[in-house]
Amino acid sequence: MESAPAIFAGLVFALFGGALLAWTGVRLRRGEPVAHGVSRVASATLASLAGTVALALGVYCLTRL
């Protein structure tokens, strides 16, 4: 019963992190800005860091079952 919230949270974090990393990679590959009005390197770094942290949290939640 207590594992259902952990599974839900893990899947949400993992999907968000994976999607953010994929989206950032596609934007960079096409040469499009990741965020408007911000340095390209800074926005790509911050988005990649946020995606990696979210993916790591998802993996952590799913391994704690």
N, C-alpha and C. Protein backbone atom coordinates (compact mmCIF):
# COMPACT_ATOMS: atom_id res chain seq x y z
N MET A 1 0.81 -1.18 0.00
CA MET A 1 0.00 0.00 0.00
C MET A 1 0.87 1.26 0.00
N GLU A 2 1.96 1.28 0.75
CA GLU A 2 2.82 2.45 0.81
C GLU A 2 3.70 2.58 -0.42
N SER A 3 3.81 1.55 -1.22
CA SER A 3 4.69 1.63 -2.38
C SER A 3 4.03 2.34 -3.56
N ALA A 4 2.72 2.48 -3.55
CA ALA A 4 2.04 3.15 -4.67
C ALA A 4 2.49 4.61 -4.83
N PRO A 5 2.56 5.42 -3.76
CA PRO A 5 3.05 6.79 -3.94
C PRO A 5 4.50 6.84 -4.41
N ALA A 6 5.32 5.91 -3.94
CA ALA A 6 6.73 5.88 -4.38
C ALA A 6 6.83 5.54 -5.86
N ILE A 7 6.01 4.62 -6.32
CA ILE A 7 6.01 4.26 -7.74
C ILE A 7 5.54 5.45 -8.57
N PHE A 8 4.46 6.10 -8.13
CA PHE A 8 3.95 7.25 -8.86
C PHE A 8 4.99 8.36 -8.92
N ALA A 9 5.57 8.70 -7.79
CA ALA A 9 6.57 9.78 -7.75
C ALA A 9 7.79 9.41 -8.59
N GLY A 10 8.23 8.17 -8.50
CA GLY A 10 9.38 7.74 -9.27
C GLY A 10 9.13 7.83 -10.77
N LEU A 11 7.95 7.42 -11.20
CA LEU A 11 7.63 7.49 -12.62
C LEU A 11 7.50 8.93 -13.10
N VAL A 12 6.90 9.78 -12.28
CA VAL A 12 6.76 11.19 -12.67
C VAL A 12 8.14 11.85 -12.79
N PHE A 13 8.98 11.64 -11.79
CA PHE A 13 10.32 12.22 -11.85
C PHE A 13 11.11 11.67 -13.04
N ALA A 14 11.04 10.37 -13.27
CA ALA A 14 11.80 9.76 -14.35
C ALA A 14 11.30 10.25 -15.72
N LEU A 15 9.99 10.32 -15.90
CA LEU A 15 9.46 10.79 -17.17
C LEU A 15 9.81 12.26 -17.41
N PHE A 16 9.67 13.08 -16.37
CA PHE A 16 10.01 14.49 -16.52
C PHE A 16 11.49 14.68 -16.83
N GLY A 17 12.34 13.99 -16.08
CA GLY A 17 13.78 14.12 -16.30
C GLY A 17 14.20 13.66 -17.68
N GLY A 18 13.68 12.51 -18.09
CA GLY A 18 14.01 11.99 -19.42
C GLY A 18 13.51 12.90 -20.53
N ALA A 19 12.28 13.41 -20.38
CA ALA A 19 11.73 14.30 -21.39
C ALA A 19 12.49 15.62 -21.45
N LEU A 20 12.88 16.15 -20.30
CA LEU A 20 13.63 17.41 -20.29
C LEU A 20 15.00 17.22 -20.93
N LEU A 21 15.66 16.11 -20.65
CA LEU A 21 16.97 15.86 -21.28
C LEU A 21 16.83 15.67 -22.78
N ALA A 22 15.79 14.95 -23.21
CA ALA A 22 15.58 14.74 -24.64
C ALA A 22 15.26 16.06 -25.34
N TRP A 23 14.38 16.86 -24.73
CA TRP A 23 14.01 18.14 -25.31
C TRP A 23 15.21 19.07 -25.43
N THR A 24 16.02 19.11 -24.39
CA THR A 24 17.22 19.96 -24.40
C THR A 24 18.18 19.50 -25.49
N GLY A 25 18.36 18.20 -25.61
CA GLY A 25 19.25 17.68 -26.65
C GLY A 25 18.77 18.00 -28.06
N VAL A 26 17.47 17.90 -28.28
CA VAL A 26 16.92 18.22 -29.61
C VAL A 26 17.07 19.70 -29.91
N ARG A 27 16.79 20.55 -28.92
CA ARG A 27 16.94 21.99 -29.14
C ARG A 27 18.39 22.36 -29.45
N LEU A 28 19.32 21.75 -28.75
CA LEU A 28 20.73 22.05 -29.00
C LEU A 28 21.18 21.53 -30.36
N ARG A 29 20.71 20.35 -30.72
CA ARG A 29 21.11 19.76 -32.01
C ARG A 29 20.61 20.61 -33.17
N ARG A 30 19.40 21.18 -33.04
CA ARG A 30 18.84 22.01 -34.09
C ARG A 30 19.40 23.43 -34.08
N GLY A 31 20.13 23.79 -33.05
CA GLY A 31 20.69 25.12 -32.95
C GLY A 31 19.69 26.15 -32.44
N GLU A 32 18.59 25.69 -31.86
CA GLU A 32 17.57 26.59 -31.33
C GLU A 32 17.87 26.90 -29.87
N PRO A 33 17.39 28.04 -29.38
CA PRO A 33 17.66 28.38 -27.97
C PRO A 33 16.86 27.48 -27.03
N VAL A 34 17.45 27.18 -25.90
CA VAL A 34 16.77 26.40 -24.87
C VAL A 34 15.84 27.31 -24.08
N ALA A 35 16.29 28.53 -23.82
CA ALA A 35 15.47 29.54 -23.14
C ALA A 35 15.74 30.88 -23.81
N HIS A 36 14.71 31.65 -24.04
CA HIS A 36 14.86 32.94 -24.70
C HIS A 36 15.39 33.98 -23.73
N GLY A 37 16.34 34.76 -24.20
CA GLY A 37 16.88 35.85 -23.40
C GLY A 37 17.95 35.44 -22.41
N VAL A 38 18.42 34.21 -22.50
CA VAL A 38 19.43 33.71 -21.57
C VAL A 38 20.59 33.17 -22.40
N SER A 39 21.77 33.20 -21.83
CA SER A 39 22.93 32.63 -22.51
C SER A 39 22.66 31.18 -22.90
N ARG A 40 23.08 30.82 -24.08
CA ARG A 40 22.81 29.47 -24.58
C ARG A 40 23.50 28.40 -23.72
N VAL A 41 24.71 28.67 -23.31
CA VAL A 41 25.45 27.71 -22.49
C VAL A 41 24.81 27.58 -21.11
N ALA A 42 24.44 28.72 -20.53
CA ALA A 42 23.85 28.70 -19.19
C ALA A 42 22.50 27.98 -19.20
N SER A 43 21.66 28.25 -20.19
CA SER A 43 20.34 27.61 -20.23
C SER A 43 20.45 26.12 -20.50
N ALA A 44 21.37 25.72 -21.36
CA ALA A 44 21.56 24.30 -21.64
C ALA A 44 22.11 23.58 -20.42
N THR A 45 23.03 24.23 -19.72
CA THR A 45 23.60 23.62 -18.52
C THR A 45 22.56 23.46 -17.43
N LEU A 46 21.78 24.50 -17.20
CA LEU A 46 20.76 24.45 -16.16
C LEU A 46 19.67 23.43 -16.49
N ALA A 47 19.23 23.38 -17.75
CA ALA A 47 18.21 22.41 -18.15
C ALA A 47 18.74 20.98 -18.04
N SER A 48 19.98 20.77 -18.43
CA SER A 48 20.57 19.43 -18.33
C SER A 48 20.75 19.01 -16.88
N LEU A 49 21.14 19.95 -16.05
CA LEU A 49 21.29 19.65 -14.62
C LEU A 49 19.94 19.31 -13.99
N ALA A 50 18.91 20.08 -14.30
CA ALA A 50 17.58 19.82 -13.76
C ALA A 50 17.04 18.48 -14.25
N GLY A 51 17.27 18.15 -15.51
CA GLY A 51 16.82 16.87 -16.04
C GLY A 51 17.54 15.70 -15.40
N THR A 52 18.83 15.86 -15.18
CA THR A 52 19.61 14.79 -14.55
C THR A 52 19.20 14.58 -13.10
N VAL A 53 18.97 15.67 -12.38
CA VAL A 53 18.52 15.56 -10.99
C VAL A 53 17.15 14.89 -10.91
N ALA A 54 16.23 15.30 -11.78
CA ALA A 54 14.90 14.69 -11.78
C ALA A 54 14.97 13.20 -12.13
N LEU A 55 15.79 12.85 -13.09
CA LEU A 55 15.95 11.44 -13.45
C LEU A 55 16.57 10.65 -12.31
N ALA A 56 17.54 11.23 -11.64
CA ALA A 56 18.16 10.55 -10.49
C ALA A 56 17.16 10.38 -9.35
N LEU A 57 16.33 11.38 -9.10
CA LEU A 57 15.29 11.25 -8.07
C LEU A 57 14.29 10.15 -8.43
N GLY A 58 13.95 10.06 -9.69
CA GLY A 58 13.04 9.00 -10.13
C GLY A 58 13.64 7.62 -9.92
N VAL A 59 14.89 7.47 -10.26
CA VAL A 59 15.57 6.18 -10.04
C VAL A 59 15.65 5.88 -8.55
N TYR A 60 15.95 6.89 -7.76
CA TYR A 60 16.03 6.70 -6.31
C TYR A 60 14.68 6.24 -5.74
N CYS A 61 13.61 6.90 -6.16
CA CYS A 61 12.28 6.52 -5.66
C CYS A 61 11.93 5.08 -6.07
N LEU A 62 12.28 4.71 -7.28
CA LEU A 62 11.92 3.37 -7.75
C LEU A 62 12.79 2.28 -7.14
N THR A 63 13.99 2.63 -6.71
CA THR A 63 14.84 1.61 -6.09
C THR A 63 14.56 1.45 -4.59
N ARG A 64 13.80 2.37 -4.01
CA ARG A 64 13.50 2.31 -2.57
C ARG A 64 12.24 1.48 -2.28
N LEU A 65 11.72 0.78 -3.24
CA LEU A 65 10.49 0.01 -3.04
C LEU A 65 10.73 -1.14 -2.15
